[in-house]
Amino acid sequence: MPSISTKGAQMPESPIRKLVPFAERAYKQNKKVYHLNIGQPDIQTPQIALDAVSHHGLSVLAYSRSEGSEQYREKIAAYYKRKSIDVNAQDIVVTTGGSEALLFAMGCVCNADDEIIIPEPFYANYNGFARANDVTVVPVVSRIEDNFALPPIADFEKHISPKTKAILICNPGNPTGYLYSKQEIQSLVALVKKHDLFLIADEVYREFTYDGQQHYSIMQEPGLEEHAILIDSVSKRYSMCGARIGCLVSKNKALIATALKFAQARLSPPTFAQIASEAALETSQSYFDEVITEYQQRRDTLVTELQKIPGVTIGQPKGAFYCIAQLPVNNSDDFAQWLLESFDLNGETVMVAPAAGFYSSPGIGLNQVRIAYVLNKESLIKAVAIIKAALEIYPNP
């Protein structure tokens, strides 16, 4: 019998999606499931983007350029300039989602068995992208007791070796919702310049910051042109997860030229999705003002309700739309599965994402879950009430 590759066998399961079969069984039992497990917003996609596809006027659905259409990249550059990020169209490669941008970035900067340092917990698919590129993830632990702030720079520095090629951060963070300060970014900038590393920043949640906080991009740092790689996506910003359009941005010309070779190998990003994404750039600020207000209210509702549950500890999100909650359970994987298989409250249950899959270090996060506050406030209140009732009778093996 032919054997599967070692790389394929070692590809990690998604902690976000692996419980889907149990949710499907819950549906068949006529249970209502509140999905707090995945960052799929229920926010309306901007109508201007939907209309652009409806009225496209194309007679042939042709390939686009491998780096994305020039017109779209010019408009992306203009968007960044409004965010005090000075780049041009030649600094941008349009990708099939932020996921492909991350794959390209790792492929561009790492050889097999090279290392990337990532503060954890981190977006679970970073593990998969690294495995696909034969890259080793070196985690630096951030703690819920510190609200998942950037770990001390000394913790990063002690892990730097000749195999270290980059530091990767997500800002604001998935799964923690932590927003790195300008000072934290600058401390990382000093470190990568000292050791001649790349600094990769996944900034797909840039728009979603709360409590008057402002996002600070690595691309705003002077003197980092050869080191900085920005990862971006339309998925969350415009509630367009299904478009699968992102981009890789860097002033490093050799890196962009290398990324373009990866892009040419997969031909081009999807044409219809670029049309929608280009139109979405014209979305009014009022759209974001309303969305940010809604998410901040959802965050406040979620945190308030979770704090009512004995034994629960919460990381306070300052951005994105995620929260890590530490529960009074021994194993959140078992608890999440039990919620779907064996528990309901008046015919309703909840799906959460066990947080251990967002860590690379073994044995960490076993009693934590990631909650995505992508549902309306009433649903969040009901969902937390279900979690509270479940914890009161969970056997906690």
Protein backbone atom coordinates (compact mmCIF):
# COMPACT_ATOMS: atom_id res chain seq x y z
CA MET A 1 0.00 0.00 0.00
CA PRO A 2 1.49 3.43 -0.94
CA SER A 3 2.50 5.52 2.05
CA ILE A 4 1.61 9.11 2.89
CA SER A 5 4.48 11.59 3.18
CA THR A 6 5.95 12.37 6.57
CA LYS A 7 5.11 16.02 5.98
CA GLY A 8 1.49 15.17 5.26
CA ALA A 9 1.21 12.89 8.27
CA GLN A 10 2.63 15.64 10.49
CA MET A 11 0.29 18.37 9.22
CA PRO A 12 -1.71 19.44 12.30
CA GLU A 13 -5.49 19.34 12.45
CA SER A 14 -7.29 22.65 12.75
CA PRO A 15 -8.52 23.15 16.33
CA ILE A 16 -11.14 25.45 14.81
CA ARG A 17 -12.61 22.92 12.39
CA LYS A 18 -11.88 19.48 13.85
CA LEU A 19 -15.09 19.46 15.92
CA VAL A 20 -17.32 20.03 12.89
CA PRO A 21 -18.45 16.35 12.68
CA PHE A 22 -19.71 16.58 16.28
CA ALA A 23 -21.58 19.79 15.47
CA GLU A 24 -23.18 18.10 12.47
CA ARG A 25 -24.38 15.27 14.70
CA ALA A 26 -25.81 17.83 17.09
CA TYR A 27 -27.78 19.34 14.20
CA LYS A 28 -29.18 15.90 13.37
CA GLN A 29 -30.37 15.70 16.98
CA ASN A 30 -32.23 18.98 16.34
CA LYS A 31 -29.97 20.97 18.64
CA LYS A 32 -29.26 24.62 17.93
CA VAL A 33 -25.51 25.27 17.99
CA TYR A 34 -24.07 28.71 18.79
CA HIS A 35 -20.83 28.92 16.81
CA LEU A 36 -18.19 30.68 18.86
CA ASN A 37 -15.44 28.57 17.31
CA ILE A 38 -14.66 30.35 14.05
CA GLY A 39 -13.97 33.92 13.00
CA GLN A 40 -16.79 34.10 10.45
CA PRO A 41 -18.47 37.47 11.06
CA ASP A 42 -22.23 37.83 10.68
CA ILE A 43 -21.60 41.44 9.61
CA GLN A 44 -23.00 42.39 6.19
CA THR A 45 -20.42 42.48 3.38
CA PRO A 46 -20.28 46.02 1.91
CA GLN A 47 -22.94 46.23 -0.80
CA ILE A 48 -20.51 48.03 -3.09
CA ALA A 49 -18.38 44.86 -3.24
CA LEU A 50 -21.34 42.58 -3.97
CA ASP A 51 -22.64 44.96 -6.65
CA ALA A 52 -19.25 45.05 -8.39
CA VAL A 53 -19.45 41.30 -8.98
CA SER A 54 -23.12 41.41 -9.98
CA HIS A 55 -22.39 44.08 -12.60
CA HIS A 56 -18.94 42.94 -13.71
CA GLY A 57 -19.56 43.21 -17.47
CA LEU A 58 -17.01 40.50 -18.32
CA SER A 59 -17.43 38.27 -21.35
CA VAL A 60 -14.38 36.11 -20.55
CA LEU A 61 -13.31 35.23 -17.01
CA ALA A 62 -9.59 35.44 -17.71
CA TYR A 63 -6.43 35.06 -15.67
CA SER A 64 -5.24 38.18 -13.89
CA ARG A 65 -1.56 39.01 -13.44
CA SER A 66 0.22 36.72 -11.02
CA GLU A 67 0.87 39.62 -8.65
CA GLY A 68 -2.74 40.83 -8.95
CA SER A 69 -4.13 43.47 -11.25
CA GLU A 70 -2.15 46.69 -11.36
CA GLN A 71 -5.29 48.77 -10.83
CA TYR A 72 -6.16 46.84 -7.67
CA ARG A 73 -2.61 47.06 -6.31
CA GLU A 74 -2.55 50.82 -6.95
CA LYS A 75 -5.73 51.15 -4.92
CA ILE A 76 -4.34 48.97 -2.13
CA ALA A 77 -1.29 51.23 -1.98
CA ALA A 78 -3.58 54.26 -1.73
CA TYR A 79 -5.44 52.55 1.14
CA TYR A 80 -2.15 52.02 2.97
CA LYS A 81 -1.12 55.63 2.49
CA ARG A 82 -4.33 56.61 4.30
CA LYS A 83 -3.04 54.44 7.15
CA SER A 84 0.37 56.21 7.16
CA ILE A 85 2.02 53.25 5.41
CA ASP A 86 4.08 54.47 2.45
CA VAL A 87 4.20 51.71 -0.18
CA ASN A 88 3.49 51.51 -3.89
CA ALA A 89 1.93 48.91 -6.17
CA GLN A 90 5.32 47.30 -6.87
CA ASP A 91 5.66 46.47 -3.17
CA ILE A 92 2.48 44.36 -3.21
CA VAL A 93 1.73 40.80 -4.33
CA VAL A 94 -1.97 39.91 -4.24
CA THR A 95 -2.53 36.43 -2.84
CA THR A 96 -5.30 33.88 -2.44
CA GLY A 97 -6.12 34.97 1.08
CA GLY A 98 -3.76 35.96 3.86
CA SER A 99 -3.02 32.23 4.15
CA GLU A 100 -1.19 32.15 0.83
CA ALA A 101 0.67 35.33 1.76
CA LEU A 102 1.97 33.56 4.88
CA LEU A 103 2.94 30.49 2.86
CA PHE A 104 4.79 32.72 0.38
CA ALA A 105 6.52 34.65 3.17
CA MET A 106 7.80 31.49 4.85
CA GLY A 107 8.86 30.04 1.50
CA CYS A 108 10.75 33.22 0.67
CA VAL A 109 12.73 33.61 3.89
CA CYS A 110 13.33 30.05 5.12
CA ASN A 111 15.20 26.98 3.98
CA ALA A 112 14.20 23.53 5.23
CA ASP A 113 14.70 23.25 9.01
CA ASP A 114 15.09 27.01 9.48
CA GLU A 115 13.24 28.57 12.39
CA ILE A 116 10.63 31.29 12.93
CA ILE A 117 9.99 32.60 16.43
CA ILE A 118 6.32 33.24 17.25
CA PRO A 119 4.78 34.45 20.52
CA GLU A 120 2.09 31.97 21.55
CA PRO A 121 -0.82 31.39 21.60
CA PHE A 122 -0.96 32.16 17.87
CA TYR A 123 -3.24 31.56 14.89
CA ALA A 124 -3.31 27.78 14.69
CA ASN A 125 -2.64 27.58 10.95
CA TYR A 126 0.84 29.10 11.45
CA ASN A 127 1.78 25.57 12.54
CA GLY A 128 0.37 24.16 9.30
CA PHE A 129 2.03 26.78 7.09
CA ALA A 130 5.37 26.11 8.80
CA ARG A 131 4.98 22.34 8.39
CA ALA A 132 4.16 22.78 4.70
CA ASN A 133 7.43 24.72 4.28
CA ASP A 134 9.55 22.39 6.49
CA VAL A 135 10.01 25.32 8.87
CA THR A 136 10.35 24.89 12.63
CA VAL A 137 8.18 27.08 14.86
CA VAL A 138 9.99 28.25 17.99
CA PRO A 139 7.36 29.47 20.47
CA VAL A 140 7.75 32.18 23.09
CA VAL A 141 4.98 31.92 25.65
CA SER A 142 2.74 34.86 26.53
CA ARG A 143 0.54 34.48 29.59
CA ILE A 144 -3.12 35.10 30.29
CA GLU A 145 -2.05 36.61 33.63
CA ASP A 146 -0.26 39.34 31.62
CA ASN A 147 -3.22 39.66 29.22
CA PHE A 148 -1.02 38.05 26.53
CA ALA A 149 1.27 41.07 26.28
CA LEU A 150 4.50 40.73 24.31
CA PRO A 151 6.85 38.47 26.27
CA PRO A 152 10.14 40.04 27.44
CA ILE A 153 12.60 40.60 24.60
CA ALA A 154 15.11 38.47 26.52
CA ASP A 155 12.74 35.52 26.02
CA PHE A 156 12.96 36.03 22.26
CA GLU A 157 16.70 36.61 22.23
CA LYS A 158 17.56 33.39 24.06
CA HIS A 159 15.85 31.42 21.24
CA ILE A 160 17.75 33.12 18.40
CA SER A 161 20.17 30.76 16.65
CA PRO A 162 21.89 30.59 13.25
CA LYS A 163 18.71 28.88 11.97
CA THR A 164 16.45 31.77 13.03
CA LYS A 165 15.19 33.69 10.00
CA ALA A 166 12.19 35.68 11.25
CA ILE A 167 9.87 36.68 14.04
CA LEU A 168 6.15 36.44 13.26
CA ILE A 169 3.44 38.34 15.12
CA CYS A 170 -0.30 38.83 14.66
CA ASN A 171 -1.45 42.34 15.53
CA PRO A 172 -4.18 42.63 16.76
CA GLY A 173 -3.88 39.02 17.81
CA ASN A 174 -5.79 35.93 16.87
CA PRO A 175 -6.63 34.15 19.20
CA THR A 176 -6.00 36.59 22.08
CA GLY A 177 -7.32 39.92 20.81
CA TYR A 178 -4.18 41.56 22.21
CA LEU A 179 -3.08 44.80 20.51
CA TYR A 180 0.66 45.43 20.55
CA SER A 181 1.67 48.94 21.55
CA LYS A 182 4.02 51.12 19.52
CA GLN A 183 6.67 50.54 22.19
CA GLU A 184 6.31 46.75 21.92
CA ILE A 185 6.61 46.93 18.14
CA GLN A 186 9.70 49.10 18.42
CA SER A 187 11.33 46.65 20.82
CA LEU A 188 10.84 43.89 18.22
CA VAL A 189 12.16 46.20 15.50
CA ALA A 190 15.36 46.78 17.48
CA LEU A 191 15.74 43.02 17.96
CA VAL A 192 15.35 42.03 14.29
CA LYS A 193 17.73 44.77 13.20
CA LYS A 194 20.29 43.66 15.80
CA HIS A 195 20.17 40.05 14.58
CA ASP A 196 19.41 40.79 10.90
CA LEU A 197 16.07 38.95 10.86
CA PHE A 198 12.77 39.46 9.07
CA LEU A 199 9.79 40.74 11.04
CA ILE A 200 6.54 39.35 9.63
CA ALA A 201 3.34 41.00 10.84
CA ASP A 202 -0.11 39.53 10.20
CA GLU A 203 -2.26 42.66 10.36
CA VAL A 204 -5.56 41.39 8.98
CA TYR A 205 -7.51 42.79 11.97
CA ARG A 206 -5.96 46.27 11.69
CA GLU A 207 -9.33 48.06 11.59
CA PHE A 208 -10.70 46.43 14.73
CA THR A 209 -9.28 48.21 17.79
CA TYR A 210 -11.23 49.31 20.86
CA ASP A 211 -11.17 51.67 23.84
CA GLY A 212 -9.62 54.45 21.76
CA GLN A 213 -6.52 52.36 21.02
CA GLN A 214 -4.72 52.82 17.69
CA HIS A 215 -3.04 50.15 15.59
CA TYR A 216 0.66 50.68 14.86
CA SER A 217 2.04 48.84 11.83
CA ILE A 218 5.57 47.55 11.42
CA MET A 219 5.49 49.30 8.03
CA GLN A 220 5.35 52.66 9.83
CA GLU A 221 8.78 52.06 11.35
CA PRO A 222 11.60 53.93 9.56
CA GLY A 223 14.70 51.95 8.67
CA LEU A 224 12.90 48.59 8.58
CA GLU A 225 12.45 48.47 4.82
CA GLU A 226 14.63 45.38 4.27
CA HIS A 227 13.23 43.50 7.27
CA ALA A 228 9.46 44.13 7.28
CA ILE A 229 6.90 41.80 5.68
CA LEU A 230 3.23 42.71 6.03
CA ILE A 231 0.48 40.09 5.67
CA ASP A 232 -3.03 41.34 4.96
CA SER A 233 -6.48 40.13 3.86
CA VAL A 234 -9.95 41.39 2.98
CA SER A 235 -11.61 38.52 4.86
CA LYS A 236 -12.30 40.17 8.20
CA ARG A 237 -12.03 43.84 7.24
CA TYR A 238 -14.98 43.67 4.84
CA SER A 239 -16.60 40.46 6.13
CA MET A 240 -15.51 38.77 2.89
CA CYS A 241 -14.00 35.50 4.17
CA GLY A 242 -15.13 33.62 1.07
CA ALA A 243 -13.38 36.00 -1.33
CA ARG A 244 -9.96 34.52 -0.46
CA ILE A 245 -8.02 37.65 -1.33
CA GLY A 246 -5.03 38.87 0.64
CA CYS A 247 -1.63 40.35 -0.03
CA LEU A 248 2.02 40.28 0.90
CA VAL A 249 3.66 43.70 1.22
CA SER A 250 7.34 44.56 1.56
CA LYS A 251 9.80 47.24 0.50
CA ASN A 252 12.44 44.50 0.19
CA LYS A 253 12.72 44.15 -3.59
CA ALA A 254 14.45 40.75 -3.51
CA LEU A 255 11.69 39.36 -1.31
CA ILE A 256 8.92 40.68 -3.58
CA ALA A 257 10.69 39.27 -6.65
CA THR A 258 10.91 35.89 -4.91
CA ALA A 259 7.26 35.99 -3.80
CA LEU A 260 6.30 36.74 -7.40
CA LYS A 261 7.90 33.46 -8.49
CA PHE A 262 5.71 31.59 -6.01
CA ALA A 263 2.73 33.57 -7.33
CA GLN A 264 3.55 32.70 -10.93
CA ALA A 265 3.65 29.00 -10.02
CA ARG A 266 0.01 29.15 -8.93
CA LEU A 267 -0.85 31.38 -11.96
CA SER A 268 -3.09 34.12 -10.51
CA PRO A 269 -5.43 35.12 -7.70
CA PRO A 270 -9.17 34.78 -8.46
CA THR A 271 -10.55 37.44 -10.80
CA PHE A 272 -14.07 37.87 -9.43
CA ALA A 273 -12.73 38.13 -5.89
CA GLN A 274 -10.30 40.86 -6.95
CA ILE A 275 -13.18 42.78 -8.51
CA ALA A 276 -15.10 42.58 -5.23
CA SER A 277 -12.02 43.45 -3.17
CA GLU A 278 -11.14 46.44 -5.33
CA ALA A 279 -14.67 47.79 -4.96
CA ALA A 280 -14.58 47.16 -1.20
CA LEU A 281 -11.75 49.68 -0.91
CA GLU A 282 -14.38 52.37 -1.55
CA THR A 283 -16.30 51.36 1.58
CA SER A 284 -17.20 54.42 3.63
CA GLN A 285 -15.72 55.09 7.08
CA SER A 286 -19.24 55.02 8.50
CA TYR A 287 -19.34 51.27 7.76
CA PHE A 288 -16.25 50.69 9.92
CA ASP A 289 -17.49 53.04 12.64
CA GLU A 290 -20.68 51.00 12.95
CA VAL A 291 -18.89 47.66 12.80
CA ILE A 292 -16.28 48.65 15.41
CA THR A 293 -19.00 49.93 17.74
CA GLU A 294 -20.88 46.67 17.32
CA TYR A 295 -17.81 44.53 18.01
CA GLN A 296 -16.85 46.58 21.06
CA GLN A 297 -20.35 46.10 22.46
CA ARG A 298 -20.14 42.37 21.75
CA ARG A 299 -16.77 42.19 23.46
CA ASP A 300 -18.10 43.99 26.51
CA THR A 301 -21.14 41.71 26.62
CA LEU A 302 -19.03 38.55 26.31
CA VAL A 303 -16.48 39.58 28.94
CA THR A 304 -19.18 40.72 31.38
CA GLU A 305 -21.07 37.44 31.07
CA LEU A 306 -17.96 35.26 31.29
CA GLN A 307 -16.82 37.07 34.42
CA LYS A 308 -19.99 35.91 36.15
CA ILE A 309 -18.90 32.27 35.90
CA PRO A 310 -16.91 31.00 38.92
CA GLY A 311 -13.41 29.84 38.07
CA VAL A 312 -13.21 31.49 34.65
CA THR A 313 -10.28 33.79 33.78
CA ILE A 314 -10.44 36.00 30.68
CA GLY A 315 -7.86 37.79 28.58
CA GLN A 316 -9.19 41.30 27.91
CA PRO A 317 -9.23 41.83 24.11
CA LYS A 318 -8.17 45.22 22.76
CA GLY A 319 -8.64 44.34 19.09
CA ALA A 320 -9.80 41.70 16.57
CA PHE A 321 -12.87 39.74 17.75
CA TYR A 322 -11.47 36.92 19.84
CA CYS A 323 -11.07 36.17 23.51
CA ILE A 324 -9.13 33.45 25.34
CA ALA A 325 -11.01 32.13 28.37
CA GLN A 326 -9.45 29.82 30.94
CA LEU A 327 -12.06 27.38 32.25
CA PRO A 328 -12.24 25.22 35.38
CA VAL A 329 -11.74 22.05 33.31
CA ASN A 330 -8.80 19.70 32.86
CA ASN A 331 -9.07 19.35 29.10
CA SER A 332 -10.93 21.81 26.91
CA ASP A 333 -10.85 19.42 23.93
CA ASP A 334 -12.93 16.95 25.91
CA PHE A 335 -15.18 19.71 27.21
CA ALA A 336 -15.80 21.13 23.72
CA GLN A 337 -16.66 17.70 22.35
CA TRP A 338 -18.89 16.93 25.37
CA LEU A 339 -20.79 20.19 24.80
CA LEU A 340 -21.74 19.01 21.32
CA GLU A 341 -22.24 15.32 22.04
CA SER A 342 -23.77 15.18 25.49
CA PHE A 343 -25.13 18.54 26.60
CA ASP A 344 -27.83 21.00 25.69
CA LEU A 345 -29.82 23.64 27.50
CA ASN A 346 -33.37 23.73 26.19
CA GLY A 347 -32.20 22.15 22.95
CA GLU A 348 -29.27 24.54 22.48
CA THR A 349 -25.51 24.11 22.85
CA VAL A 350 -22.24 25.85 22.00
CA MET A 351 -19.21 25.18 19.83
CA VAL A 352 -15.89 26.64 21.03
CA ALA A 353 -12.30 26.21 19.82
CA PRO A 354 -10.01 24.39 22.28
CA ALA A 355 -7.00 26.64 22.78
CA ALA A 356 -4.25 24.00 23.04
CA GLY A 357 -4.18 23.97 19.22
CA PHE A 358 -3.15 27.63 19.28
CA TYR A 359 0.05 26.76 21.13
CA SER A 360 3.14 25.01 19.81
CA SER A 361 4.53 24.15 23.24
CA PRO A 362 3.08 20.83 24.45
CA GLY A 363 0.89 20.82 27.53
CA ILE A 364 -0.03 24.52 27.46
CA GLY A 365 -3.55 25.89 27.03
CA LEU A 366 -5.23 22.60 27.86
CA ASN A 367 -7.84 24.36 30.02
CA GLN A 368 -8.38 27.30 27.67
CA VAL A 369 -10.78 27.98 24.80
CA ARG A 370 -10.86 30.63 22.13
CA ILE A 371 -14.21 32.37 21.74
CA ALA A 372 -15.00 34.41 18.63
CA TYR A 373 -17.54 37.10 19.44
CA VAL A 374 -18.96 37.13 15.93
CA LEU A 375 -22.58 36.63 17.02
CA ASN A 376 -25.07 39.29 18.09
CA LYS A 377 -25.21 40.28 21.75
CA GLU A 378 -28.38 38.31 22.53
CA SER A 379 -26.81 35.14 21.13
CA LEU A 380 -23.61 35.75 23.11
CA ILE A 381 -25.58 36.04 26.34
CA LYS A 382 -27.39 32.78 25.59
CA ALA A 383 -24.16 31.03 24.61
CA VAL A 384 -22.38 32.01 27.82
CA ALA A 385 -25.41 30.92 29.86
CA ILE A 386 -25.09 27.50 28.19
CA ILE A 387 -21.37 27.33 29.03
CA LYS A 388 -22.14 28.27 32.65
CA ALA A 389 -24.83 25.58 32.96
CA ALA A 390 -22.56 23.04 31.29
CA LEU A 391 -19.66 23.71 33.65
CA GLU A 392 -21.95 23.11 36.65
CA ILE A 393 -22.51 19.47 35.62
CA TYR A 394 -19.48 18.65 33.46
CA PRO A 395 -17.86 15.45 34.83
CA ASN A 396 -14.33 16.92 34.28
CA PRO A 397 -12.49 13.61 33.85
